[in-house]
Amino acid sequence: MHACQSLNGGEHQWVTTDSFDTDDNDRIVEHWDVIAGFTSPTPSGHTSIDGVSEVTDLDRTQENRALVRAMLGDLLMTDGNPDTIGFAPLAVGS
């Protein structure tokens, strides 16, 4: 889930990404989140929430689920493989 939160009349704005794991009965058994302050625009000229919000590739649902599960396994599981994740160098400057 990806959400934009505005608290105290917009005084505080956050962008949150939540991931959930469920058991065989579809009950949530684990939860991970990432929370960052909303910025507009970002260095790319966009905001933290720009982009398509309509699902257009329903035929790829199972493929996309497999990609997300593999990523979460590599990043969050103790027996994962974080070396499979590439990182781009950060641009530093004024």
C-alpha atoms as a PDB file:
ATOM      1  CA  MET A   1       0.000   0.000   0.000  1.00  0.00           C
ATOM      2  CA  HIS A   2       1.256   3.490  -0.821  1.00  0.00           C
ATOM      3  CA  ALA A   3      -0.337   6.423   1.003  1.00  0.00           C
ATOM      4  CA  CYS A   4       0.110  10.153   1.440  1.00  0.00           C
ATOM      5  CA  GLN A   5      -0.786  11.375   4.932  1.00  0.00           C
ATOM      6  CA  SER A   6      -1.554  14.963   5.904  1.00  0.00           C
ATOM      7  CA  LEU A   7      -1.737  15.632   9.644  1.00  0.00           C
ATOM      8  CA  ASN A   8      -2.730  18.700  11.650  1.00  0.00           C
ATOM      9  CA  GLY A   9      -4.234  20.532   8.671  1.00  0.00           C
ATOM     10  CA  GLY A  10      -1.211  19.867   6.461  1.00  0.00           C
ATOM     11  CA  GLU A  11       1.385  20.871   9.060  1.00  0.00           C
ATOM     12  CA  HIS A  12       2.961  17.430   8.707  1.00  0.00           C
ATOM     13  CA  GLN A  13       2.926  15.451   5.465  1.00  0.00           C
ATOM     14  CA  TRP A  14       4.265  11.933   5.054  1.00  0.00           C
ATOM     15  CA  VAL A  15       4.463   9.363   2.295  1.00  0.00           C
ATOM     16  CA  THR A  16       4.151   5.795   3.555  1.00  0.00           C
ATOM     17  CA  THR A  17       4.651   2.435   1.889  1.00  0.00           C
ATOM     18  CA  ASP A  18       3.316  -0.575   3.764  1.00  0.00           C
ATOM     19  CA  SER A  19       3.912  -4.248   2.958  1.00  0.00           C
ATOM     20  CA  PHE A  20       1.954  -7.064   4.567  1.00  0.00           C
ATOM     21  CA  ASP A  21       2.439 -10.825   4.765  1.00  0.00           C
ATOM     22  CA  THR A  22      -0.585 -13.039   5.299  1.00  0.00           C
ATOM     23  CA  ASP A  23      -1.122 -16.609   6.412  1.00  0.00           C
ATOM     24  CA  ASP A  24      -3.090 -19.284   4.530  1.00  0.00           C
ATOM     25  CA  ASN A  25      -6.328 -17.727   5.846  1.00  0.00           C
ATOM     26  CA  ASP A  26      -5.415 -14.248   4.511  1.00  0.00           C
ATOM     27  CA  ARG A  27      -4.840 -12.878   8.020  1.00  0.00           C
ATOM     28  CA  ILE A  28      -2.026 -10.356   8.379  1.00  0.00           C
ATOM     29  CA  VAL A  29       0.884 -11.976  10.221  1.00  0.00           C
ATOM     30  CA  GLU A  30       3.665  -9.449   9.480  1.00  0.00           C
ATOM     31  CA  HIS A  31       3.876  -5.782   8.552  1.00  0.00           C
ATOM     32  CA  TRP A  32       6.736  -3.602   7.302  1.00  0.00           C
ATOM     33  CA  ASP A  33       6.594   0.098   6.514  1.00  0.00           C
ATOM     34  CA  VAL A  34       8.720   2.892   5.152  1.00  0.00           C
ATOM     35  CA  ILE A  35       7.835   6.478   6.069  1.00  0.00           C
ATOM     36  CA  ALA A  36       9.388   9.601   4.554  1.00  0.00           C
ATOM     37  CA  GLY A  37       8.556  13.273   4.697  1.00  0.00           C
ATOM     38  CA  PHE A  38       6.668  14.527   1.629  1.00  0.00           C
ATOM     39  CA  THR A  39       8.764  16.779  -0.585  1.00  0.00           C
ATOM     40  CA  SER A  40       7.691  18.622  -3.700  1.00  0.00           C
ATOM     41  CA  PRO A  41       9.396  18.565  -6.030  1.00  0.00           C
ATOM     42  CA  THR A  42      12.062  15.901  -5.585  1.00  0.00           C
ATOM     43  CA  PRO A  43      15.431  16.258  -7.378  1.00  0.00           C
ATOM     44  CA  SER A  44      13.826  14.495 -10.384  1.00  0.00           C
ATOM     45  CA  GLY A  45      11.248  17.281 -10.659  1.00  0.00           C
ATOM     46  CA  HIS A  46       8.378  15.075  -9.491  1.00  0.00           C
ATOM     47  CA  THR A  47       6.727  14.531  -6.120  1.00  0.00           C
ATOM     48  CA  SER A  48       6.852  11.429  -3.926  1.00  0.00           C
ATOM     49  CA  ILE A  49       3.409  10.429  -5.171  1.00  0.00           C
ATOM     50  CA  ASP A  50       3.501  11.195  -8.912  1.00  0.00           C
ATOM     51  CA  GLY A  51       2.703   8.421 -11.291  1.00  0.00           C
ATOM     52  CA  VAL A  52       0.035   6.135 -12.581  1.00  0.00           C
ATOM     53  CA  SER A  53      -2.615   5.199 -10.028  1.00  0.00           C
ATOM     54  CA  GLU A  54      -4.772   2.991 -12.241  1.00  0.00           C
ATOM     55  CA  VAL A  55      -3.978  -0.704 -12.592  1.00  0.00           C
ATOM     56  CA  THR A  56      -3.615  -1.472 -16.283  1.00  0.00           C
ATOM     57  CA  ASP A  57      -1.831  -4.832 -16.381  1.00  0.00           C
ATOM     58  CA  LEU A  58      -4.125  -7.203 -14.507  1.00  0.00           C
ATOM     59  CA  ASP A  59      -2.869 -10.033 -16.713  1.00  0.00           C
ATOM     60  CA  ARG A  60       0.536  -9.663 -15.001  1.00  0.00           C
ATOM     61  CA  THR A  61      -0.764  -9.849 -11.390  1.00  0.00           C
ATOM     62  CA  GLN A  62       0.860 -13.195 -10.558  1.00  0.00           C
ATOM     63  CA  GLU A  63       4.156 -12.154 -12.178  1.00  0.00           C
ATOM     64  CA  ASN A  64       4.167  -8.885 -10.213  1.00  0.00           C
ATOM     65  CA  ARG A  65       3.341 -10.673  -6.957  1.00  0.00           C
ATOM     66  CA  ALA A  66       6.294 -13.009  -7.520  1.00  0.00           C
ATOM     67  CA  LEU A  67       8.626 -10.038  -8.092  1.00  0.00           C
ATOM     68  CA  VAL A  68       7.501  -8.302  -4.887  1.00  0.00           C
ATOM     69  CA  ARG A  69       7.765 -11.512  -2.841  1.00  0.00           C
ATOM     70  CA  ALA A  70      11.303 -12.130  -4.143  1.00  0.00           C
ATOM     71  CA  MET A  71      12.341  -8.536  -3.369  1.00  0.00           C
ATOM     72  CA  LEU A  72      10.900  -8.663   0.157  1.00  0.00           C
ATOM     73  CA  GLY A  73      12.574 -12.026   0.750  1.00  0.00           C
ATOM     74  CA  ASP A  74      15.944 -10.703  -0.387  1.00  0.00           C
ATOM     75  CA  LEU A  75      15.665  -7.497   1.646  1.00  0.00           C
ATOM     76  CA  LEU A  76      13.875  -8.497   4.824  1.00  0.00           C
ATOM     77  CA  MET A  77      14.405 -12.174   5.514  1.00  0.00           C
ATOM     78  CA  THR A  78      17.346 -13.401   7.587  1.00  0.00           C
ATOM     79  CA  ASP A  79      18.190 -15.995   4.928  1.00  0.00           C
ATOM     80  CA  GLY A  80      17.676 -13.516   2.070  1.00  0.00           C
ATOM     81  CA  ASN A  81      20.213 -12.260  -0.420  1.00  0.00           C
ATOM     82  CA  PRO A  82      20.557  -8.459  -0.153  1.00  0.00           C
ATOM     83  CA  ASP A  83      23.504  -8.558  -2.582  1.00  0.00           C
ATOM     84  CA  THR A  84      20.975  -8.959  -5.420  1.00  0.00           C
ATOM     85  CA  ILE A  85      19.798  -5.383  -4.870  1.00  0.00           C
ATOM     86  CA  GLY A  86      21.687  -2.741  -6.864  1.00  0.00           C
ATOM     87  CA  PHE A  87      22.230   0.781  -5.614  1.00  0.00           C
ATOM     88  CA  ALA A  88      22.821   3.902  -7.685  1.00  0.00           C
ATOM     89  CA  PRO A  89      25.337   6.407  -6.335  1.00  0.00           C
ATOM     90  CA  LEU A  90      23.789   9.479  -4.722  1.00  0.00           C
ATOM     91  CA  ALA A  91      24.475  12.860  -6.312  1.00  0.00           C
ATOM     92  CA  VAL A  92      25.826  15.244  -3.702  1.00  0.00           C
ATOM     93  CA  GLY A  93      26.038  18.961  -4.289  1.00  0.00           C
ATOM     94  CA  SER A  94      24.432  22.295  -3.749  1.00  0.00           C
END
